[in-house]
Amino acid sequence: MRGIRRIVIYGVTGSGKTTLASRLGATVGIRWHEVDNLTWEPGWVGVPADEQRRRFEEICAGDEWILDTAYSSWLDLALGRAQLIVALDYPRWVSLSRLVRRTLARTLDGRPICNGNRETLRQAFSPDSIVAFHFRSFQHKRTRVRAWETDESVPPVVRLRSPRHTRAWLATLREPGHS
């Protein structure tokens, strides 16, 4: 990690990207950006694609940042400046069980997420739900991560295959000699 200051966390929905971005940022002292806060307005209004690109162009032009994911509509901006991709490539049961638990907890306690939006049971079981999105995007994201490992046109990839592997990798960054 020495000298690496621009990082994209990538993985399937529910894999723990935001949690890892927060922990990684605290560990290495780099500000992380929660992508959902930059792509959703109150009332679950999506930020138009051109405004998303403008926002991420500005972030990615900076000297240091961590993004907790990257959407296809501006992935090129992030990959064009990132120095490292940290990919969470967990088995489906891990990410899906995390996603379902998180979604149910949020619907029950009503905690606000991304700009004050709240998840509801109606949303959780709709065809456009985040759980449905997990099923629609899982294989594509997994295939992308694995292709990146051998693609010299993208930044180096640290592919983490389990939560235990992720915790161990993060712990190595806390050891003397890492910065």
N, C-alpha and C. Protein backbone atom coordinates (compact mmCIF):
# COMPACT_ATOMS: atom_id res chain seq x y z
N MET A 1 0.82 -1.20 0.00
CA MET A 1 0.00 0.00 0.00
C MET A 1 0.86 1.26 0.00
N ARG A 2 2.15 1.11 0.14
CA ARG A 2 3.02 2.28 0.17
C ARG A 2 2.84 3.10 -1.10
N GLY A 3 2.46 4.35 -0.93
CA GLY A 3 2.28 5.25 -2.05
C GLY A 3 0.93 5.17 -2.73
N ILE A 4 0.11 4.23 -2.36
CA ILE A 4 -1.21 4.09 -2.98
C ILE A 4 -2.19 5.00 -2.25
N ARG A 5 -2.79 5.92 -2.99
CA ARG A 5 -3.67 6.93 -2.39
C ARG A 5 -5.03 7.04 -3.09
N ARG A 6 -5.25 6.26 -4.16
CA ARG A 6 -6.53 6.30 -4.87
C ARG A 6 -7.02 4.86 -5.06
N ILE A 7 -8.13 4.54 -4.40
CA ILE A 7 -8.56 3.15 -4.30
C ILE A 7 -10.05 3.03 -4.60
N VAL A 8 -10.38 2.02 -5.38
CA VAL A 8 -11.78 1.65 -5.63
C VAL A 8 -12.05 0.33 -4.93
N ILE A 9 -13.09 0.31 -4.11
CA ILE A 9 -13.58 -0.94 -3.53
C ILE A 9 -14.67 -1.42 -4.48
N TYR A 10 -14.63 -2.67 -4.87
CA TYR A 10 -15.60 -3.19 -5.83
C TYR A 10 -16.08 -4.55 -5.38
N GLY A 11 -17.34 -4.82 -5.62
CA GLY A 11 -17.89 -6.12 -5.28
C GLY A 11 -19.39 -6.14 -5.50
N VAL A 12 -19.97 -7.29 -5.24
CA VAL A 12 -21.40 -7.43 -5.43
C VAL A 12 -22.17 -6.71 -4.33
N THR A 13 -23.42 -6.44 -4.61
CA THR A 13 -24.29 -5.78 -3.65
C THR A 13 -24.38 -6.62 -2.38
N GLY A 14 -24.13 -5.97 -1.24
CA GLY A 14 -24.21 -6.65 0.04
C GLY A 14 -22.90 -7.26 0.52
N SER A 15 -21.83 -7.10 -0.22
CA SER A 15 -20.57 -7.74 0.16
C SER A 15 -19.83 -7.01 1.27
N GLY A 16 -20.17 -5.76 1.54
CA GLY A 16 -19.50 -5.03 2.61
C GLY A 16 -18.55 -3.95 2.13
N LYS A 17 -18.79 -3.43 0.95
CA LYS A 17 -17.90 -2.43 0.35
C LYS A 17 -17.82 -1.15 1.18
N THR A 18 -18.97 -0.66 1.65
CA THR A 18 -18.98 0.58 2.41
C THR A 18 -18.27 0.40 3.75
N THR A 19 -18.52 -0.71 4.41
CA THR A 19 -17.85 -0.99 5.68
C THR A 19 -16.35 -1.06 5.47
N LEU A 20 -15.91 -1.76 4.43
CA LEU A 20 -14.48 -1.86 4.17
C LEU A 20 -13.89 -0.49 3.82
N ALA A 21 -14.58 0.28 3.01
CA ALA A 21 -14.07 1.62 2.65
C ALA A 21 -13.87 2.47 3.89
N SER A 22 -14.83 2.43 4.79
CA SER A 22 -14.73 3.19 6.03
C SER A 22 -13.52 2.73 6.87
N ARG A 23 -13.38 1.43 7.02
CA ARG A 23 -12.27 0.88 7.81
C ARG A 23 -10.92 1.14 7.14
N LEU A 24 -10.88 0.96 5.85
CA LEU A 24 -9.63 1.20 5.12
C LEU A 24 -9.24 2.67 5.22
N GLY A 25 -10.21 3.55 5.04
CA GLY A 25 -9.93 4.98 5.15
C GLY A 25 -9.36 5.34 6.51
N ALA A 26 -9.96 4.78 7.57
CA ALA A 26 -9.47 5.06 8.92
C ALA A 26 -8.07 4.48 9.13
N THR A 27 -7.80 3.33 8.54
CA THR A 27 -6.51 2.67 8.71
C THR A 27 -5.39 3.40 7.99
N VAL A 28 -5.64 3.84 6.76
CA VAL A 28 -4.57 4.46 5.97
C VAL A 28 -4.65 5.98 5.93
N GLY A 29 -5.67 6.55 6.55
CA GLY A 29 -5.78 8.00 6.63
C GLY A 29 -6.17 8.68 5.33
N ILE A 30 -7.03 8.04 4.56
CA ILE A 30 -7.53 8.61 3.31
C ILE A 30 -9.04 8.77 3.42
N ARG A 31 -9.52 9.91 2.95
CA ARG A 31 -10.97 10.16 2.98
C ARG A 31 -11.67 9.20 2.02
N TRP A 32 -12.74 8.60 2.49
CA TRP A 32 -13.52 7.73 1.61
C TRP A 32 -14.84 8.40 1.29
N HIS A 33 -15.39 8.04 0.13
CA HIS A 33 -16.62 8.64 -0.37
C HIS A 33 -17.68 7.55 -0.49
N GLU A 34 -18.82 7.79 0.14
CA GLU A 34 -19.94 6.86 0.05
C GLU A 34 -20.71 7.18 -1.22
N VAL A 35 -20.59 6.32 -2.19
CA VAL A 35 -21.15 6.55 -3.52
C VAL A 35 -22.66 6.76 -3.48
N ASP A 36 -23.37 5.99 -2.66
CA ASP A 36 -24.83 6.15 -2.61
C ASP A 36 -25.24 7.56 -2.24
N ASN A 37 -24.48 8.22 -1.38
CA ASN A 37 -24.80 9.60 -1.01
C ASN A 37 -24.61 10.57 -2.18
N LEU A 38 -23.82 10.18 -3.15
CA LEU A 38 -23.55 11.03 -4.30
C LEU A 38 -24.41 10.68 -5.52
N THR A 39 -25.16 9.59 -5.43
CA THR A 39 -25.97 9.15 -6.57
C THR A 39 -27.46 9.11 -6.29
N TRP A 40 -27.84 9.29 -5.02
CA TRP A 40 -29.26 9.33 -4.64
C TRP A 40 -29.56 10.60 -3.87
N GLU A 41 -30.62 11.29 -4.26
CA GLU A 41 -31.11 12.47 -3.56
C GLU A 41 -32.25 12.03 -2.64
N PRO A 42 -32.69 12.90 -1.74
CA PRO A 42 -33.84 12.57 -0.89
C PRO A 42 -35.05 12.16 -1.75
N GLY A 43 -35.84 11.24 -1.19
CA GLY A 43 -37.01 10.74 -1.90
C GLY A 43 -36.65 9.68 -2.93
N TRP A 44 -35.45 9.10 -2.82
CA TRP A 44 -34.96 8.09 -3.76
C TRP A 44 -34.96 8.61 -5.20
N VAL A 45 -34.60 9.87 -5.36
CA VAL A 45 -34.47 10.44 -6.69
C VAL A 45 -33.02 10.23 -7.13
N GLY A 46 -32.87 9.53 -8.23
CA GLY A 46 -31.53 9.28 -8.74
C GLY A 46 -30.90 10.53 -9.32
N VAL A 47 -29.63 10.73 -9.04
CA VAL A 47 -28.89 11.86 -9.61
C VAL A 47 -28.68 11.56 -11.09
N PRO A 48 -28.99 12.50 -11.98
CA PRO A 48 -28.79 12.26 -13.41
C PRO A 48 -27.35 11.83 -13.72
N ALA A 49 -27.22 11.00 -14.74
CA ALA A 49 -25.91 10.43 -15.09
C ALA A 49 -24.85 11.50 -15.36
N ASP A 50 -25.23 12.59 -16.02
CA ASP A 50 -24.23 13.62 -16.32
C ASP A 50 -23.74 14.31 -15.04
N GLU A 51 -24.63 14.48 -14.06
CA GLU A 51 -24.22 15.06 -12.78
C GLU A 51 -23.37 14.07 -11.98
N GLN A 52 -23.71 12.79 -12.05
CA GLN A 52 -22.88 11.78 -11.40
C GLN A 52 -21.46 11.84 -11.97
N ARG A 53 -21.35 11.87 -13.27
CA ARG A 53 -20.02 11.93 -13.90
C ARG A 53 -19.27 13.17 -13.44
N ARG A 54 -19.96 14.31 -13.38
CA ARG A 54 -19.30 15.53 -12.94
C ARG A 54 -18.79 15.38 -11.52
N ARG A 55 -19.61 14.82 -10.63
CA ARG A 55 -19.21 14.64 -9.23
C ARG A 55 -18.01 13.72 -9.11
N PHE A 56 -18.03 12.62 -9.85
CA PHE A 56 -16.93 11.66 -9.72
C PHE A 56 -15.69 12.09 -10.49
N GLU A 57 -15.88 12.88 -11.51
CA GLU A 57 -14.73 13.47 -12.19
C GLU A 57 -13.95 14.36 -11.21
N GLU A 58 -14.69 15.13 -10.44
CA GLU A 58 -14.07 16.02 -9.45
C GLU A 58 -13.35 15.22 -8.37
N ILE A 59 -14.00 14.18 -7.85
CA ILE A 59 -13.36 13.36 -6.82
C ILE A 59 -12.12 12.66 -7.39
N CYS A 60 -12.28 12.03 -8.53
CA CYS A 60 -11.18 11.25 -9.11
C CYS A 60 -10.01 12.11 -9.56
N ALA A 61 -10.22 13.40 -9.77
CA ALA A 61 -9.12 14.29 -10.12
C ALA A 61 -8.23 14.58 -8.91
N GLY A 62 -8.72 14.26 -7.71
CA GLY A 62 -7.97 14.52 -6.49
C GLY A 62 -6.78 13.59 -6.33
N ASP A 63 -5.90 13.96 -5.41
CA ASP A 63 -4.69 13.19 -5.16
C ASP A 63 -4.92 11.92 -4.35
N GLU A 64 -5.98 11.93 -3.53
CA GLU A 64 -6.24 10.73 -2.73
C GLU A 64 -7.73 10.60 -2.45
N TRP A 65 -8.20 9.36 -2.53
CA TRP A 65 -9.61 9.07 -2.29
C TRP A 65 -9.81 7.55 -2.25
N ILE A 66 -10.88 7.20 -1.59
CA ILE A 66 -11.37 5.82 -1.62
C ILE A 66 -12.84 5.91 -2.00
N LEU A 67 -13.25 5.13 -3.00
CA LEU A 67 -14.64 5.02 -3.39
C LEU A 67 -15.16 3.65 -2.95
N ASP A 68 -16.37 3.63 -2.38
CA ASP A 68 -16.88 2.34 -1.89
C ASP A 68 -17.58 1.53 -2.98
N THR A 69 -17.53 1.98 -4.19
CA THR A 69 -17.94 1.23 -5.37
C THR A 69 -17.72 2.13 -6.57
N ALA A 70 -18.07 1.63 -7.75
CA ALA A 70 -18.02 2.45 -8.96
C ALA A 70 -19.12 1.94 -9.89
N TYR A 71 -19.98 2.85 -10.32
CA TYR A 71 -21.07 2.50 -11.23
C TYR A 71 -20.56 2.48 -12.66
N SER A 72 -21.16 1.66 -13.47
CA SER A 72 -20.73 1.52 -14.87
C SER A 72 -20.71 2.85 -15.61
N SER A 73 -21.64 3.75 -15.29
CA SER A 73 -21.75 5.02 -16.03
C SER A 73 -20.55 5.94 -15.83
N TRP A 74 -19.75 5.70 -14.81
CA TRP A 74 -18.53 6.51 -14.60
C TRP A 74 -17.36 5.66 -14.12
N LEU A 75 -17.44 4.37 -14.30
CA LEU A 75 -16.37 3.46 -13.92
C LEU A 75 -15.05 3.84 -14.60
N ASP A 76 -15.13 4.29 -15.83
CA ASP A 76 -13.92 4.67 -16.56
C ASP A 76 -13.15 5.78 -15.85
N LEU A 77 -13.87 6.72 -15.23
CA LEU A 77 -13.22 7.81 -14.50
C LEU A 77 -12.43 7.26 -13.31
N ALA A 78 -13.07 6.38 -12.55
CA ALA A 78 -12.42 5.81 -11.37
C ALA A 78 -11.23 4.95 -11.76
N LEU A 79 -11.41 4.07 -12.73
CA LEU A 79 -10.32 3.18 -13.13
C LEU A 79 -9.17 3.94 -13.78
N GLY A 80 -9.50 5.05 -14.44
CA GLY A 80 -8.47 5.84 -15.09
C GLY A 80 -7.51 6.52 -14.11
N ARG A 81 -7.95 6.68 -12.87
CA ARG A 81 -7.11 7.36 -11.86
C ARG A 81 -6.75 6.48 -10.67
N ALA A 82 -7.47 5.39 -10.47
CA ALA A 82 -7.21 4.52 -9.31
C ALA A 82 -5.83 3.89 -9.41
N GLN A 83 -5.25 3.66 -8.24
CA GLN A 83 -3.98 2.96 -8.16
C GLN A 83 -4.16 1.52 -7.69
N LEU A 84 -5.36 1.22 -7.17
CA LEU A 84 -5.63 -0.11 -6.65
C LEU A 84 -7.13 -0.36 -6.67
N ILE A 85 -7.50 -1.58 -7.02
CA ILE A 85 -8.88 -2.06 -6.88
C ILE A 85 -8.86 -3.12 -5.78
N VAL A 86 -9.70 -2.94 -4.78
CA VAL A 86 -9.87 -3.96 -3.75
C VAL A 86 -11.22 -4.60 -4.03
N ALA A 87 -11.18 -5.85 -4.45
CA ALA A 87 -12.38 -6.55 -4.90
C ALA A 87 -12.85 -7.55 -3.86
N LEU A 88 -14.10 -7.41 -3.45
CA LEU A 88 -14.72 -8.36 -2.54
C LEU A 88 -15.43 -9.41 -3.40
N ASP A 89 -14.86 -10.58 -3.46
CA ASP A 89 -15.37 -11.66 -4.32
C ASP A 89 -15.80 -12.83 -3.44
N TYR A 90 -16.84 -12.59 -2.68
CA TYR A 90 -17.34 -13.59 -1.72
C TYR A 90 -18.35 -14.51 -2.39
N PRO A 91 -18.54 -15.69 -1.80
CA PRO A 91 -19.62 -16.56 -2.29
C PRO A 91 -20.97 -15.84 -2.16
N ARG A 92 -21.89 -16.20 -3.04
CA ARG A 92 -23.20 -15.54 -3.03
C ARG A 92 -23.86 -15.61 -1.66
N TRP A 93 -23.78 -16.74 -0.97
CA TRP A 93 -24.49 -16.86 0.31
C TRP A 93 -24.01 -15.82 1.32
N VAL A 94 -22.75 -15.43 1.26
CA VAL A 94 -22.22 -14.44 2.20
C VAL A 94 -22.83 -13.07 1.92
N SER A 95 -22.72 -12.62 0.67
CA SER A 95 -23.23 -11.29 0.35
C SER A 95 -24.75 -11.24 0.43
N LEU A 96 -25.43 -12.28 -0.01
CA LEU A 96 -26.89 -12.28 0.03
C LEU A 96 -27.41 -12.29 1.46
N SER A 97 -26.82 -13.09 2.32
CA SER A 97 -27.28 -13.13 3.72
C SER A 97 -27.02 -11.78 4.40
N ARG A 98 -25.88 -11.17 4.12
CA ARG A 98 -25.60 -9.83 4.67
C ARG A 98 -26.62 -8.82 4.16
N LEU A 99 -26.91 -8.87 2.88
CA LEU A 99 -27.83 -7.92 2.28
C LEU A 99 -29.24 -8.07 2.85
N VAL A 100 -29.71 -9.30 2.97
CA VAL A 100 -31.06 -9.53 3.50
C VAL A 100 -31.14 -9.08 4.95
N ARG A 101 -30.14 -9.42 5.77
CA ARG A 101 -30.15 -8.97 7.18
C ARG A 101 -30.14 -7.45 7.27
N ARG A 102 -29.29 -6.82 6.50
CA ARG A 102 -29.18 -5.36 6.52
C ARG A 102 -30.49 -4.71 6.06
N THR A 103 -31.06 -5.22 4.99
CA THR A 103 -32.30 -4.65 4.46
C THR A 103 -33.43 -4.81 5.47
N LEU A 104 -33.57 -5.99 6.05
CA LEU A 104 -34.63 -6.20 7.05
C LEU A 104 -34.43 -5.30 8.26
N ALA A 105 -33.21 -5.18 8.73
CA ALA A 105 -32.94 -4.33 9.89
C ALA A 105 -33.31 -2.88 9.57
N ARG A 106 -32.96 -2.41 8.40
CA ARG A 106 -33.26 -1.03 8.03
C ARG A 106 -34.76 -0.79 7.87
N THR A 107 -35.48 -1.79 7.37
CA THR A 107 -36.93 -1.60 7.23
C THR A 107 -37.60 -1.59 8.59
N LEU A 108 -37.06 -2.35 9.53
CA LEU A 108 -37.67 -2.41 10.86
C LEU A 108 -37.33 -1.20 11.72
N ASP A 109 -36.08 -0.75 11.67
CA ASP A 109 -35.71 0.37 12.56
C ASP A 109 -35.83 1.74 11.87
N GLY A 110 -36.04 1.75 10.56
CA GLY A 110 -36.26 3.00 9.85
C GLY A 110 -35.06 3.93 9.79
N ARG A 111 -33.88 3.39 10.04
CA ARG A 111 -32.69 4.27 10.02
C ARG A 111 -32.49 4.86 8.63
N PRO A 112 -32.15 6.13 8.60
CA PRO A 112 -31.93 6.77 7.30
C PRO A 112 -30.62 6.33 6.67
N ILE A 113 -30.64 6.24 5.37
CA ILE A 113 -29.44 5.94 4.59
C ILE A 113 -29.38 6.93 3.44
N CYS A 114 -28.31 7.03 2.79
CA CYS A 114 -28.06 7.92 1.65
C CYS A 114 -29.05 9.09 1.54
N ASN A 115 -28.61 10.18 2.13
CA ASN A 115 -29.35 11.44 2.07
C ASN A 115 -30.73 11.38 2.70
N GLY A 116 -30.84 10.60 3.77
CA GLY A 116 -32.08 10.55 4.53
C GLY A 116 -33.12 9.59 4.01
N ASN A 117 -32.83 8.89 2.93
CA ASN A 117 -33.77 7.90 2.41
C ASN A 117 -33.89 6.73 3.37
N ARG A 118 -35.02 6.08 3.32
CA ARG A 118 -35.27 4.92 4.17
C ARG A 118 -35.76 3.76 3.32
N GLU A 119 -35.35 2.58 3.71
CA GLU A 119 -35.84 1.39 3.02
C GLU A 119 -37.17 0.98 3.64
N THR A 120 -38.06 0.45 2.81
CA THR A 120 -39.36 -0.01 3.29
C THR A 120 -39.55 -1.47 2.89
N LEU A 121 -40.49 -2.13 3.55
CA LEU A 121 -40.80 -3.51 3.18
C LEU A 121 -41.30 -3.59 1.74
N ARG A 122 -42.08 -2.61 1.33
CA ARG A 122 -42.57 -2.59 -0.06
C ARG A 122 -41.39 -2.58 -1.03
N GLN A 123 -40.40 -1.73 -0.75
CA GLN A 123 -39.22 -1.68 -1.62
C GLN A 123 -38.45 -2.99 -1.57
N ALA A 124 -38.33 -3.55 -0.37
CA ALA A 124 -37.53 -4.77 -0.19
C ALA A 124 -38.05 -5.94 -1.02
N PHE A 125 -39.35 -5.95 -1.31
CA PHE A 125 -39.93 -7.06 -2.05
C PHE A 125 -40.39 -6.67 -3.46
N SER A 126 -39.99 -5.49 -3.90
CA SER A 126 -40.38 -5.05 -5.24
C SER A 126 -39.40 -5.62 -6.28
N PRO A 127 -39.81 -5.64 -7.55
CA PRO A 127 -38.91 -6.11 -8.61
C PRO A 127 -37.66 -5.24 -8.75
N ASP A 128 -37.72 -4.00 -8.27
CA ASP A 128 -36.58 -3.10 -8.34
C ASP A 128 -35.78 -3.05 -7.04
N SER A 129 -36.02 -3.98 -6.15
CA SER A 129 -35.36 -3.95 -4.84
C SER A 129 -33.87 -4.21 -4.96
N ILE A 130 -33.19 -3.86 -3.90
CA ILE A 130 -31.75 -4.08 -3.85
C ILE A 130 -31.43 -5.58 -3.84
N VAL A 131 -32.33 -6.38 -3.28
CA VAL A 131 -32.15 -7.84 -3.28
C VAL A 131 -32.28 -8.37 -4.70
N ALA A 132 -33.29 -7.90 -5.44
CA ALA A 132 -33.44 -8.30 -6.83
C ALA A 132 -32.23 -7.86 -7.65
N PHE A 133 -31.73 -6.65 -7.37
CA PHE A 133 -30.54 -6.16 -8.07
C PHE A 133 -29.34 -7.08 -7.80
N HIS A 134 -29.23 -7.58 -6.58
CA HIS A 134 -28.15 -8.51 -6.25
C HIS A 134 -28.18 -9.70 -7.21
N PHE A 135 -29.37 -10.26 -7.42
CA PHE A 135 -29.48 -11.42 -8.30
C PHE A 135 -29.18 -11.06 -9.76
N ARG A 136 -29.61 -9.87 -10.18
CA ARG A 136 -29.37 -9.46 -11.57
C ARG A 136 -27.90 -9.14 -11.84
N SER A 137 -27.17 -8.68 -10.84
CA SER A 137 -25.81 -8.18 -11.09
C SER A 137 -24.69 -9.09 -10.58
N PHE A 138 -25.02 -10.08 -9.78
CA PHE A 138 -23.99 -10.89 -9.11
C PHE A 138 -22.97 -11.47 -10.11
N GLN A 139 -23.44 -12.21 -11.09
CA GLN A 139 -22.51 -12.91 -11.98
C GLN A 139 -21.69 -11.93 -12.81
N HIS A 140 -22.32 -10.86 -13.27
CA HIS A 140 -21.60 -9.86 -14.06
C HIS A 140 -20.46 -9.24 -13.25
N LYS A 141 -20.74 -8.85 -12.02
CA LYS A 141 -19.71 -8.22 -11.19
C LYS A 141 -18.60 -9.21 -10.86
N ARG A 142 -18.98 -10.43 -10.57
CA ARG A 142 -17.97 -11.45 -10.26
C ARG A 142 -17.08 -11.71 -11.47
N THR A 143 -17.67 -11.80 -12.63
CA THR A 143 -16.90 -12.02 -13.85
C THR A 143 -15.96 -10.85 -14.11
N ARG A 144 -16.45 -9.64 -13.90
CA ARG A 144 -15.62 -8.44 -14.10
C ARG A 144 -14.41 -8.46 -13.17
N VAL A 145 -14.62 -8.76 -11.90
CA VAL A 145 -13.52 -8.79 -10.93
C VAL A 145 -12.46 -9.79 -11.37
N ARG A 146 -12.88 -10.96 -11.77
CA ARG A 146 -11.93 -12.00 -12.15
C ARG A 146 -11.19 -11.64 -13.43
N ALA A 147 -11.86 -10.96 -14.35
CA ALA A 147 -11.19 -10.52 -15.57
C ALA A 147 -10.16 -9.45 -15.27
N TRP A 148 -10.47 -8.57 -14.34
CA TRP A 148 -9.54 -7.50 -13.99
C TRP A 148 -8.21 -8.04 -13.46
N GLU A 149 -8.25 -9.18 -12.81
CA GLU A 149 -7.01 -9.74 -12.23
C GLU A 149 -5.91 -9.92 -13.27
N THR A 150 -6.29 -10.20 -14.50
CA THR A 150 -5.28 -10.45 -15.54
C THR A 150 -5.24 -9.36 -16.60
N ASP A 151 -5.99 -8.29 -16.38
CA ASP A 151 -6.07 -7.19 -17.35
C ASP A 151 -5.08 -6.10 -16.97
N GLU A 152 -4.04 -5.95 -17.77
CA GLU A 152 -3.01 -4.96 -17.47
C GLU A 152 -3.45 -3.52 -17.73
N SER A 153 -4.63 -3.34 -18.31
CA SER A 153 -5.12 -1.98 -18.58
C SER A 153 -5.85 -1.37 -17.38
N VAL A 154 -6.05 -2.17 -16.33
CA VAL A 154 -6.68 -1.65 -15.11
C VAL A 154 -5.66 -1.69 -13.98
N PRO A 155 -5.92 -0.94 -12.91
CA PRO A 155 -4.99 -0.97 -11.77
C PRO A 155 -4.88 -2.38 -11.18
N PRO A 156 -3.84 -2.62 -10.39
CA PRO A 156 -3.71 -3.92 -9.71
C PRO A 156 -4.95 -4.21 -8.86
N VAL A 157 -5.25 -5.49 -8.73
CA VAL A 157 -6.43 -5.95 -7.99
C VAL A 157 -6.00 -6.78 -6.79
N VAL A 158 -6.54 -6.43 -5.63
CA VAL A 158 -6.44 -7.29 -4.44
C VAL A 158 -7.81 -7.95 -4.34
N ARG A 159 -7.85 -9.23 -4.65
CA ARG A 159 -9.13 -9.97 -4.64
C ARG A 159 -9.26 -10.71 -3.32
N LEU A 160 -10.26 -10.32 -2.56
CA LEU A 160 -10.50 -10.90 -1.24
C LEU A 160 -11.70 -11.84 -1.34
N ARG A 161 -11.52 -13.10 -0.93
CA ARG A 161 -12.52 -14.13 -1.20
C ARG A 161 -13.42 -14.48 -0.02
N SER A 162 -13.16 -13.88 1.14
CA SER A 162 -14.00 -14.17 2.31
C SER A 162 -13.86 -13.03 3.31
N PRO A 163 -14.83 -12.89 4.20
CA PRO A 163 -14.69 -11.86 5.24
C PRO A 163 -13.42 -12.07 6.07
N ARG A 164 -13.06 -13.30 6.34
CA ARG A 164 -11.84 -13.58 7.10
C ARG A 164 -10.60 -13.10 6.34
N HIS A 165 -10.57 -13.36 5.06
CA HIS A 165 -9.47 -12.92 4.21
C HIS A 165 -9.39 -11.39 4.22
N THR A 166 -10.54 -10.73 4.17
CA THR A 166 -10.58 -9.27 4.19
C THR A 166 -10.06 -8.73 5.52
N ARG A 167 -10.49 -9.31 6.63
CA ARG A 167 -10.00 -8.86 7.94
C ARG A 167 -8.49 -9.05 8.05
N ALA A 168 -7.99 -10.17 7.55
CA ALA A 168 -6.54 -10.43 7.61
C ALA A 168 -5.78 -9.42 6.76
N TRP A 169 -6.28 -9.12 5.56
CA TRP A 169 -5.62 -8.13 4.69
C TRP A 169 -5.60 -6.76 5.36
N LEU A 170 -6.72 -6.34 5.92
CA LEU A 170 -6.79 -5.05 6.58
C LEU A 170 -5.85 -5.00 7.77
N ALA A 171 -5.73 -6.10 8.50
CA ALA A 171 -4.83 -6.14 9.66
C ALA A 171 -3.37 -5.96 9.23
N THR A 172 -3.02 -6.44 8.05
CA THR A 172 -1.62 -6.28 7.60
C THR A 172 -1.30 -4.80 7.37
N LEU A 173 -2.30 -4.00 7.09
CA LEU A 173 -2.07 -2.57 6.84
C LEU A 173 -1.81 -1.81 8.14
N ARG A 174 -2.16 -2.42 9.25
CA ARG A 174 -1.96 -1.79 10.55
C ARG A 174 -0.56 -2.11 11.12
N GLU A 175 0.10 -3.07 10.50
CA GLU A 175 1.41 -3.50 11.00
C GLU A 175 2.48 -2.46 10.66
N PRO A 176 3.51 -2.39 11.48
CA PRO A 176 4.62 -1.45 11.19
C PRO A 176 5.19 -1.73 9.79
N GLY A 177 5.57 -0.67 9.12
CA GLY A 177 6.16 -0.81 7.79
C GLY A 177 5.16 -0.61 6.68
N HIS A 178 3.87 -0.61 6.99
CA HIS A 178 2.84 -0.36 5.98
C HIS A 178 2.34 1.05 6.12
N SER A 179 2.13 1.69 4.98
CA SER A 179 1.54 3.02 5.01
C SER A 179 0.77 3.28 3.74
